[in-house]
Amino acid sequence: MSRTRHVAQAGVIAAVYAALTLAMVQTPLGYGPVQLRLSEALTVVACLTPAAIPGLWAGTLIANAWMLAQVGVLGLLDVVFGSLATLAGAVWMWRFRERTTLALAGPVVANALIVPAYLPVMLAGVTGIGFYRIEALGVDASGAWISMYLFGVVAVGVGQALVVYGLGLPLLGVLRRLGLAARMGADDERGPERD
C-alpha cells in the first residue's frame, strides 16, 4: 500500500471514529464507567488494514480531547491513557487478524483494564451523578479506588464486548464480504481466517 493511501485511510478512519464518538459522548452511555460507545464497533477495521492503527488512535485522541474541555486538566488522563488503550487494542487486532474472535478481544481487554484505572480520578470533579452507583441493582462501588476500578473493569469490559462483538463482528463480516480488505490494499493477501 502506498504511503499516501495509508495516510488517507488513517485520516478517514480517524474522522469517522471521532465523529461517532463525539455524537455518543453527548449521551449518558458515552462516558463514565458504564459505556456503550457505538464507535467502538469501528475498531474492527484494524482486522482489515494497518492504516486503522494510527487512524483509530488519532480518532480517539480527537474525541477524548472533548473530555479535556469538559473536566479540565484531568481530561488529559483520557486523552493520553484512553488513546493508548485504543492504540493497544488496534495493534492487537492487526496482529491477530487471522483469528477473528481473539483479535476482537484486543479493544475489549485494553479498554477494560486501562480506562477504569483513571476514571475515578477524572470523574471525581463531576458531582451529583453517582457514576459508581446502580441503585436498581443495589450496587454502590463508590469510595475506595480499588472498588471503583473493579466495577469499571466489569462495566467497561461488558460494554466493549457488547459493542465490539455484537455490532463490530457483524460489521466485519459485511466488510469482508464486500472485499474491503483487498480494496484497502491490506499488506496480507492471504485473507483472514473467519472464526
Protein backbone atom coordinates (compact mmCIF):
# COMPACT_ATOMS: atom_id res chain seq x y z
CA MET A 1 0.00 0.00 0.00
CA SER A 2 1.37 3.43 -0.85
CA ARG A 3 2.15 5.84 1.96
CA THR A 4 -0.35 8.37 0.60
CA ARG A 5 -3.11 5.77 0.56
CA HIS A 6 -2.18 4.62 4.07
CA VAL A 7 -2.33 8.20 5.42
CA ALA A 8 -5.62 8.89 3.62
CA GLN A 9 -7.22 5.73 5.03
CA ALA A 10 -5.97 6.55 8.52
CA GLY A 11 -7.43 10.05 8.20
CA VAL A 12 -10.84 8.80 7.09
CA ILE A 13 -10.92 6.21 9.90
CA ALA A 14 -9.91 8.89 12.44
CA ALA A 15 -12.61 11.28 11.25
CA VAL A 16 -15.40 8.69 11.27
CA TYR A 17 -14.38 7.27 14.66
CA ALA A 18 -14.08 10.74 16.24
CA ALA A 19 -17.42 11.93 14.82
CA LEU A 20 -19.28 8.84 16.05
CA THR A 21 -17.62 9.03 19.47
CA LEU A 22 -18.40 12.73 19.88
CA ALA A 23 -22.03 12.09 18.96
CA MET A 24 -22.16 9.28 21.52
CA VAL A 25 -20.48 11.08 24.44
CA GLN A 26 -23.38 13.50 24.47
CA THR A 27 -25.46 10.67 25.94
CA PRO A 28 -25.13 9.13 29.43
CA LEU A 29 -23.76 5.88 27.96
CA GLY A 30 -20.93 7.65 26.16
CA TYR A 31 -18.70 8.29 29.17
CA GLY A 32 -18.14 7.13 32.71
CA PRO A 33 -17.57 3.58 33.91
CA VAL A 34 -20.64 2.25 32.07
CA GLN A 35 -20.08 2.89 28.37
CA LEU A 36 -21.73 1.71 25.18
CA ARG A 37 -19.92 3.71 22.52
CA LEU A 38 -21.16 2.61 19.13
CA SER A 39 -17.99 4.00 17.57
CA GLU A 40 -16.09 1.10 19.17
CA ALA A 41 -17.68 -1.18 16.57
CA LEU A 42 -15.41 0.56 14.04
CA THR A 43 -12.32 -0.83 15.75
CA VAL A 44 -12.83 -3.99 13.68
CA VAL A 45 -11.34 -2.23 10.66
CA ALA A 46 -7.98 -2.93 12.32
CA CYS A 47 -8.51 -6.53 11.15
CA LEU A 48 -8.56 -5.26 7.55
CA THR A 49 -5.80 -2.68 7.27
CA PRO A 50 -2.82 -1.49 9.28
CA ALA A 51 -3.93 2.07 8.50
CA ALA A 52 -6.60 1.57 11.14
CA ILE A 53 -3.97 1.54 13.88
CA PRO A 54 -2.98 5.23 13.57
CA GLY A 55 -6.49 6.10 12.39
CA LEU A 56 -8.24 4.73 15.46
CA TRP A 57 -5.57 6.20 17.74
CA ALA A 58 -5.93 9.67 16.17
CA GLY A 59 -9.73 9.45 16.24
CA THR A 60 -9.60 8.61 19.94
CA LEU A 61 -7.21 11.49 20.62
CA ILE A 62 -9.60 13.89 18.91
CA ALA A 63 -12.69 12.55 20.66
CA ASN A 64 -11.03 12.37 24.06
CA ALA A 65 -9.90 15.97 23.75
CA TRP A 66 -13.60 16.77 24.23
CA MET A 67 -13.31 15.42 27.79
CA LEU A 68 -10.46 17.84 28.38
CA ALA A 69 -12.86 20.69 27.70
CA GLN A 70 -15.50 19.16 29.99
CA VAL A 71 -13.48 18.21 33.08
CA GLY A 72 -10.41 20.40 32.77
CA VAL A 73 -6.84 19.27 33.11
CA LEU A 74 -7.88 15.85 34.44
CA GLY A 75 -9.27 15.19 30.96
CA LEU A 76 -5.65 14.76 29.89
CA LEU A 77 -5.85 11.33 31.53
CA ASP A 78 -8.45 10.32 28.95
CA VAL A 79 -6.55 11.92 26.10
CA VAL A 80 -3.35 10.05 26.97
CA PHE A 81 -4.44 6.76 28.50
CA GLY A 82 -7.74 6.30 26.66
CA SER A 83 -5.92 6.83 23.38
CA LEU A 84 -3.20 4.38 24.41
CA ALA A 85 -5.90 1.78 25.20
CA THR A 86 -7.29 2.20 21.68
CA LEU A 87 -3.81 2.01 20.19
CA ALA A 88 -3.04 -1.20 22.10
CA GLY A 89 -6.37 -2.73 21.05
CA ALA A 90 -5.82 -1.83 17.39
CA VAL A 91 -2.28 -3.24 17.34
CA TRP A 92 -3.61 -6.45 18.92
CA MET A 93 -6.37 -6.70 16.30
CA TRP A 94 -3.97 -6.30 13.39
CA ARG A 95 -1.56 -8.81 14.93
CA PHE A 96 -4.28 -11.45 15.41
CA ARG A 97 -6.45 -10.56 12.38
CA GLU A 98 -6.36 -14.16 11.15
CA ARG A 99 -8.13 -15.30 14.33
CA THR A 100 -11.14 -13.01 14.46
CA THR A 101 -12.53 -13.94 17.87
CA LEU A 102 -9.14 -13.43 19.51
CA ALA A 103 -8.47 -10.25 17.53
CA LEU A 104 -11.68 -8.61 18.69
CA ALA A 105 -10.70 -9.23 22.32
CA GLY A 106 -7.95 -6.61 21.93
CA PRO A 107 -10.02 -3.43 22.35
CA VAL A 108 -12.27 -5.12 24.92
CA VAL A 109 -9.41 -6.13 27.22
CA ALA A 110 -7.30 -2.99 26.67
CA ASN A 111 -10.18 -0.65 27.46
CA ALA A 112 -11.45 -2.77 30.35
CA LEU A 113 -8.05 -2.74 32.07
CA ILE A 114 -6.81 0.78 31.27
CA VAL A 115 -9.83 3.12 31.24
CA PRO A 116 -11.22 2.22 34.71
CA ALA A 117 -7.80 2.94 36.25
CA TYR A 118 -8.08 6.69 35.65
CA LEU A 119 -11.85 7.23 35.57
CA PRO A 120 -12.27 7.55 39.37
CA VAL A 121 -9.68 10.35 39.39
CA MET A 122 -11.01 12.05 36.27
CA LEU A 123 -14.66 11.89 37.29
CA ALA A 124 -14.04 12.99 40.89
CA GLY A 125 -14.82 16.56 39.92
CA VAL A 126 -18.15 15.62 38.32
CA THR A 127 -20.51 15.76 41.28
CA GLY A 128 -24.06 14.61 41.76
CA ILE A 129 -24.05 11.95 39.05
CA GLY A 130 -23.26 8.79 41.01
CA PHE A 131 -21.19 7.04 38.33
CA TYR A 132 -20.38 4.15 40.65
CA ARG A 133 -23.89 3.51 41.94
CA ILE A 134 -26.60 1.41 40.36
CA GLU A 135 -29.45 1.78 42.81
CA ALA A 136 -31.78 -0.58 40.92
CA LEU A 137 -29.28 -3.40 41.46
CA GLY A 138 -28.20 -2.29 44.92
CA VAL A 139 -24.61 -1.73 43.71
CA ASP A 140 -22.51 1.02 45.26
CA ALA A 141 -18.85 0.84 44.30
CA SER A 142 -18.07 4.45 45.17
CA GLY A 143 -15.44 5.05 47.79
CA ALA A 144 -12.16 3.17 47.56
CA TRP A 145 -10.28 3.36 44.26
CA ILE A 146 -9.97 -0.45 44.03
CA SER A 147 -13.73 -0.98 44.24
CA MET A 148 -14.32 1.71 41.59
CA TYR A 149 -11.60 0.17 39.41
CA LEU A 150 -13.02 -3.35 39.65
CA PHE A 151 -16.54 -2.05 38.98
CA GLY A 152 -15.15 -0.20 35.96
CA VAL A 153 -13.28 -3.26 34.65
CA VAL A 154 -16.52 -5.22 34.58
CA ALA A 155 -18.70 -2.35 33.31
CA VAL A 156 -16.32 -1.14 30.59
CA GLY A 157 -15.46 -4.72 29.60
CA VAL A 158 -19.11 -5.73 29.22
CA GLY A 159 -19.93 -2.54 27.28
CA GLN A 160 -16.95 -3.03 24.98
CA ALA A 161 -17.76 -6.69 24.42
CA LEU A 162 -21.38 -5.90 23.56
CA VAL A 163 -20.37 -3.29 21.01
CA VAL A 164 -17.26 -4.96 19.53
CA TYR A 165 -18.71 -8.47 19.27
CA GLY A 166 -22.40 -7.54 18.95
CA LEU A 167 -22.04 -4.79 16.34
CA GLY A 168 -18.41 -4.92 15.22
CA LEU A 169 -18.28 -8.62 14.37
CA PRO A 170 -21.30 -8.44 12.00
CA LEU A 171 -19.85 -5.23 10.54
CA LEU A 172 -16.54 -7.01 9.93
CA GLY A 173 -18.39 -9.85 8.20
CA VAL A 174 -20.11 -7.40 5.86
CA LEU A 175 -16.88 -5.55 5.13
CA ARG A 176 -15.12 -8.82 4.33
CA ARG A 177 -17.95 -9.95 2.03
CA LEU A 178 -17.66 -6.64 0.22
CA GLY A 179 -13.95 -7.32 -0.29
CA LEU A 180 -12.94 -4.21 1.61
CA ALA A 181 -9.58 -5.63 2.78
CA ALA A 182 -8.45 -6.09 -0.83
CA ARG A 183 -9.76 -2.65 -1.79
CA MET A 184 -7.94 -1.08 1.14
CA GLY A 185 -4.70 -2.65 -0.03
CA ALA A 186 -4.01 -4.63 3.14
CA ASP A 187 -0.47 -5.99 3.23
CA ASP A 188 -1.55 -9.58 3.88
CA GLU A 189 -3.21 -11.03 0.79
CA ARG A 190 -3.86 -14.45 2.39
CA GLY A 191 -7.08 -13.16 3.86
CA PRO A 192 -8.04 -13.58 7.48
CA GLU A 193 -9.50 -16.80 8.80
CA ARG A 194 -13.12 -16.49 9.82
CA ASP A 195 -13.94 -17.99 13.20
